[in-house]
Amino acid sequence: MLGTILWGIIGGAIVGILARLLLPGKQHISMLVTVIVGIIAATLGGLIADWLGVGDTKGIDWIRHFIQIALAILFVWLADRMFGRRTPPAVPAR
């Protein structure tokens, strides 16, 4: 149980950071938000993969990882839109 939770946190952090790297442009969210979003996406992606029957296969679970990363990209984008710190546009000099 503890190992599952620990691997979920570690795997989710990796998935979140990878999603942030794959998402074009600059995200205006903290690394903590990125990691939390990654943990949520990895957990939800694992549940979806299990529901589809591709969550536990022999070898590397590529489809599960693809689902997790796709969800993480979506969630990082949404978090940036909702919680991102934006700087106001610069006022042109006269």
N, C-alpha and C. Protein backbone atom coordinates (compact mmCIF):
# COMPACT_ATOMS: atom_id res chain seq x y z
N MET A 1 0.83 -1.20 0.00
CA MET A 1 0.00 0.00 0.00
C MET A 1 0.87 1.26 0.00
N LEU A 2 1.81 1.32 0.93
CA LEU A 2 2.68 2.49 1.00
C LEU A 2 3.54 2.60 -0.25
N GLY A 3 4.00 1.46 -0.76
CA GLY A 3 4.80 1.46 -1.98
C GLY A 3 4.01 1.95 -3.18
N THR A 4 2.73 1.57 -3.25
CA THR A 4 1.87 2.03 -4.34
C THR A 4 1.69 3.53 -4.30
N ILE A 5 1.47 4.06 -3.11
CA ILE A 5 1.29 5.51 -2.96
C ILE A 5 2.58 6.24 -3.31
N LEU A 6 3.71 5.72 -2.82
CA LEU A 6 5.00 6.35 -3.10
C LEU A 6 5.31 6.35 -4.59
N TRP A 7 5.08 5.20 -5.27
CA TRP A 7 5.32 5.14 -6.71
C TRP A 7 4.33 6.01 -7.48
N GLY A 8 3.12 6.16 -6.96
CA GLY A 8 2.15 7.05 -7.59
C GLY A 8 2.62 8.50 -7.55
N ILE A 9 3.19 8.89 -6.43
CA ILE A 9 3.69 10.26 -6.28
C ILE A 9 4.91 10.48 -7.18
N ILE A 10 5.85 9.54 -7.16
CA ILE A 10 7.06 9.67 -7.98
C ILE A 10 6.70 9.64 -9.47
N GLY A 11 5.90 8.66 -9.87
CA GLY A 11 5.49 8.56 -11.27
C GLY A 11 4.67 9.75 -11.72
N GLY A 12 3.79 10.24 -10.84
CA GLY A 12 2.99 11.42 -11.17
C GLY A 12 3.84 12.66 -11.34
N ALA A 13 4.86 12.80 -10.51
CA ALA A 13 5.76 13.95 -10.65
C ALA A 13 6.50 13.89 -11.98
N ILE A 14 6.94 12.71 -12.36
CA ILE A 14 7.64 12.56 -13.64
C ILE A 14 6.69 12.85 -14.79
N VAL A 15 5.47 12.33 -14.72
CA VAL A 15 4.48 12.56 -15.78
C VAL A 15 4.16 14.06 -15.89
N GLY A 16 4.00 14.74 -14.76
CA GLY A 16 3.70 16.18 -14.78
C GLY A 16 4.82 17.00 -15.39
N ILE A 17 6.04 16.69 -15.00
CA ILE A 17 7.19 17.43 -15.55
C ILE A 17 7.35 17.14 -17.04
N LEU A 18 7.16 15.89 -17.43
CA LEU A 18 7.24 15.54 -18.85
C LEU A 18 6.16 16.26 -19.66
N ALA A 19 4.96 16.34 -19.10
CA ALA A 19 3.87 17.06 -19.79
C ALA A 19 4.21 18.53 -19.95
N ARG A 20 4.81 19.11 -18.92
CA ARG A 20 5.18 20.52 -19.00
C ARG A 20 6.25 20.75 -20.06
N LEU A 21 7.16 19.80 -20.21
CA LEU A 21 8.19 19.91 -21.24
C LEU A 21 7.61 19.75 -22.64
N LEU A 22 6.60 18.89 -22.78
CA LEU A 22 6.00 18.65 -24.09
C LEU A 22 5.02 19.73 -24.52
N LEU A 23 4.47 20.45 -23.56
CA LEU A 23 3.50 21.50 -23.87
C LEU A 23 4.24 22.72 -24.41
N PRO A 24 3.87 23.18 -25.61
CA PRO A 24 4.61 24.32 -26.17
C PRO A 24 4.34 25.61 -25.39
N GLY A 25 5.32 26.48 -25.41
CA GLY A 25 5.18 27.77 -24.74
C GLY A 25 5.61 27.70 -23.28
N LYS A 26 5.48 28.83 -22.62
CA LYS A 26 5.86 28.94 -21.21
C LYS A 26 4.61 28.81 -20.35
N GLN A 27 4.70 27.98 -19.33
CA GLN A 27 3.60 27.84 -18.40
C GLN A 27 3.90 28.71 -17.18
N HIS A 28 2.89 29.39 -16.70
CA HIS A 28 3.04 30.32 -15.59
C HIS A 28 2.50 29.71 -14.29
N ILE A 29 2.84 28.46 -14.05
CA ILE A 29 2.44 27.78 -12.82
C ILE A 29 3.70 27.27 -12.13
N SER A 30 3.59 27.04 -10.83
CA SER A 30 4.75 26.58 -10.07
C SER A 30 5.01 25.10 -10.33
N MET A 31 6.18 24.66 -9.94
CA MET A 31 6.51 23.23 -10.07
C MET A 31 5.64 22.40 -9.15
N LEU A 32 5.23 22.94 -8.01
CA LEU A 32 4.36 22.20 -7.11
C LEU A 32 3.01 21.91 -7.78
N VAL A 33 2.45 22.90 -8.45
CA VAL A 33 1.20 22.70 -9.18
C VAL A 33 1.41 21.67 -10.30
N THR A 34 2.53 21.75 -10.98
CA THR A 34 2.85 20.80 -12.04
C THR A 34 2.90 19.37 -11.50
N VAL A 35 3.55 19.18 -10.36
CA VAL A 35 3.66 17.84 -9.77
C VAL A 35 2.29 17.35 -9.31
N ILE A 36 1.51 18.20 -8.68
CA ILE A 36 0.17 17.80 -8.22
C ILE A 36 -0.70 17.42 -9.41
N VAL A 37 -0.66 18.21 -10.46
CA VAL A 37 -1.42 17.91 -11.67
C VAL A 37 -0.94 16.58 -12.27
N GLY A 38 0.37 16.35 -12.26
CA GLY A 38 0.91 15.09 -12.77
C GLY A 38 0.44 13.89 -11.97
N ILE A 39 0.39 14.03 -10.64
CA ILE A 39 -0.08 12.94 -9.79
C ILE A 39 -1.55 12.63 -10.09
N ILE A 40 -2.36 13.67 -10.23
CA ILE A 40 -3.78 13.47 -10.55
C ILE A 40 -3.92 12.81 -11.92
N ALA A 41 -3.17 13.30 -12.91
CA ALA A 41 -3.26 12.74 -14.26
C ALA A 41 -2.78 11.29 -14.30
N ALA A 42 -1.71 10.98 -13.58
CA ALA A 42 -1.20 9.61 -13.58
C ALA A 42 -2.20 8.66 -12.92
N THR A 43 -2.82 9.11 -11.84
CA THR A 43 -3.81 8.27 -11.17
C THR A 43 -5.03 8.06 -12.04
N LEU A 44 -5.56 9.14 -12.58
CA LEU A 44 -6.74 9.05 -13.43
C LEU A 44 -6.43 8.27 -14.71
N GLY A 45 -5.26 8.49 -15.30
CA GLY A 45 -4.87 7.76 -16.50
C GLY A 45 -4.72 6.27 -16.24
N GLY A 46 -4.19 5.91 -15.07
CA GLY A 46 -4.09 4.50 -14.70
C GLY A 46 -5.45 3.85 -14.54
N LEU A 47 -6.39 4.60 -13.94
CA LEU A 47 -7.75 4.07 -13.78
C LEU A 47 -8.43 3.89 -15.13
N ILE A 48 -8.25 4.86 -16.03
CA ILE A 48 -8.84 4.75 -17.37
C ILE A 48 -8.24 3.57 -18.13
N ALA A 49 -6.92 3.41 -18.02
CA ALA A 49 -6.26 2.29 -18.70
C ALA A 49 -6.76 0.94 -18.15
N ASP A 50 -6.93 0.86 -16.83
CA ASP A 50 -7.48 -0.37 -16.25
C ASP A 50 -8.90 -0.62 -16.75
N TRP A 51 -9.69 0.43 -16.83
CA TRP A 51 -11.07 0.31 -17.31
C TRP A 51 -11.11 -0.16 -18.76
N LEU A 52 -10.14 0.31 -19.56
CA LEU A 52 -10.07 -0.11 -20.97
C LEU A 52 -9.42 -1.49 -21.13
N GLY A 53 -8.83 -2.02 -20.07
CA GLY A 53 -8.21 -3.33 -20.13
C GLY A 53 -6.77 -3.32 -20.60
N VAL A 54 -6.13 -2.15 -20.62
CA VAL A 54 -4.74 -2.07 -21.08
C VAL A 54 -3.81 -1.58 -19.97
N GLY A 55 -4.29 -1.60 -18.74
CA GLY A 55 -3.51 -1.07 -17.64
C GLY A 55 -2.39 -1.96 -17.16
N ASP A 56 -2.52 -3.26 -17.36
CA ASP A 56 -1.51 -4.19 -16.88
C ASP A 56 -1.24 -5.22 -17.98
N THR A 57 -0.18 -5.01 -18.71
CA THR A 57 0.20 -5.92 -19.79
C THR A 57 1.58 -6.47 -19.50
N LYS A 58 2.01 -7.43 -20.29
CA LYS A 58 3.37 -7.94 -20.15
C LYS A 58 4.32 -6.94 -20.78
N GLY A 59 5.32 -6.56 -20.05
CA GLY A 59 6.27 -5.57 -20.57
C GLY A 59 5.87 -4.17 -20.13
N ILE A 60 6.24 -3.20 -20.93
CA ILE A 60 5.95 -1.80 -20.62
C ILE A 60 4.54 -1.47 -21.07
N ASP A 61 3.80 -0.80 -20.21
CA ASP A 61 2.41 -0.44 -20.50
C ASP A 61 2.37 0.89 -21.27
N TRP A 62 2.71 0.84 -22.55
CA TRP A 62 2.81 2.05 -23.36
C TRP A 62 1.50 2.79 -23.47
N ILE A 63 0.40 2.09 -23.64
CA ILE A 63 -0.90 2.76 -23.79
C ILE A 63 -1.26 3.49 -22.51
N ARG A 64 -1.03 2.85 -21.36
CA ARG A 64 -1.31 3.50 -20.07
C ARG A 64 -0.48 4.76 -19.92
N HIS A 65 0.80 4.68 -20.26
CA HIS A 65 1.66 5.85 -20.14
C HIS A 65 1.24 6.96 -21.10
N PHE A 66 0.83 6.59 -22.31
CA PHE A 66 0.36 7.59 -23.26
C PHE A 66 -0.88 8.30 -22.72
N ILE A 67 -1.81 7.55 -22.16
CA ILE A 67 -3.02 8.15 -21.59
C ILE A 67 -2.65 9.09 -20.44
N GLN A 68 -1.74 8.66 -19.58
CA GLN A 68 -1.33 9.49 -18.45
C GLN A 68 -0.67 10.79 -18.91
N ILE A 69 0.20 10.70 -19.90
CA ILE A 69 0.89 11.91 -20.38
C ILE A 69 -0.08 12.83 -21.10
N ALA A 70 -1.00 12.26 -21.90
CA ALA A 70 -1.99 13.09 -22.59
C ALA A 70 -2.87 13.82 -21.58
N LEU A 71 -3.30 13.14 -20.53
CA LEU A 71 -4.10 13.80 -19.50
C LEU A 71 -3.28 14.86 -18.77
N ALA A 72 -2.01 14.57 -18.51
CA ALA A 72 -1.16 15.53 -17.83
C ALA A 72 -0.96 16.79 -18.67
N ILE A 73 -0.79 16.63 -19.97
CA ILE A 73 -0.67 17.81 -20.84
C ILE A 73 -1.94 18.65 -20.77
N LEU A 74 -3.09 17.99 -20.85
CA LEU A 74 -4.36 18.70 -20.75
C LEU A 74 -4.49 19.40 -19.41
N PHE A 75 -4.16 18.71 -18.32
CA PHE A 75 -4.32 19.28 -16.98
C PHE A 75 -3.33 20.41 -16.72
N VAL A 76 -2.10 20.29 -17.23
CA VAL A 76 -1.13 21.39 -17.07
C VAL A 76 -1.63 22.62 -17.83
N TRP A 77 -2.16 22.41 -19.03
CA TRP A 77 -2.70 23.52 -19.81
C TRP A 77 -3.86 24.18 -19.07
N LEU A 78 -4.77 23.35 -18.52
CA LEU A 78 -5.91 23.90 -17.78
C LEU A 78 -5.45 24.63 -16.51
N ALA A 79 -4.48 24.07 -15.80
CA ALA A 79 -3.96 24.72 -14.59
C ALA A 79 -3.31 26.04 -14.93
N ASP A 80 -2.61 26.10 -16.05
CA ASP A 80 -2.00 27.36 -16.48
C ASP A 80 -3.07 28.40 -16.78
N ARG A 81 -4.15 27.98 -17.41
CA ARG A 81 -5.24 28.91 -17.72
C ARG A 81 -5.96 29.37 -16.45
N MET A 82 -6.09 28.48 -15.47
CA MET A 82 -6.85 28.82 -14.27
C MET A 82 -6.00 29.51 -13.20
N PHE A 83 -4.78 29.02 -12.99
CA PHE A 83 -3.96 29.51 -11.87
C PHE A 83 -2.70 30.24 -12.29
N GLY A 84 -2.45 30.34 -13.58
CA GLY A 84 -1.20 30.92 -14.06
C GLY A 84 -1.07 32.39 -13.71
N ARG A 85 0.13 32.76 -13.31
CA ARG A 85 0.42 34.17 -13.00
C ARG A 85 0.79 34.87 -14.30
N ARG A 86 0.01 35.81 -14.66
CA ARG A 86 0.25 36.56 -15.89
C ARG A 86 0.73 37.97 -15.52
N THR A 87 1.67 38.46 -16.29
CA THR A 87 2.11 39.83 -16.10
C THR A 87 1.33 40.70 -17.08
N PRO A 88 0.92 41.88 -16.64
CA PRO A 88 0.18 42.75 -17.55
C PRO A 88 1.08 43.19 -18.70
N PRO A 89 0.48 43.46 -19.86
CA PRO A 89 1.30 43.90 -20.99
C PRO A 89 1.97 45.24 -20.69
N ALA A 90 3.16 45.40 -21.23
CA ALA A 90 3.92 46.63 -21.00
C ALA A 90 3.24 47.79 -21.73
N VAL A 91 3.23 48.93 -21.09
CA VAL A 91 2.66 50.12 -21.69
C VAL A 91 3.74 50.75 -22.57
N PRO A 92 3.42 51.01 -23.85
CA PRO A 92 4.43 51.57 -24.73
C PRO A 92 4.83 52.99 -24.29
N ALA A 93 6.12 53.29 -24.44
CA ALA A 93 6.62 54.62 -24.08
C ALA A 93 6.15 55.64 -25.11
N ARG A 94 5.92 56.84 -24.65
CA ARG A 94 5.47 57.92 -25.54
C ARG A 94 6.59 58.83 -25.90
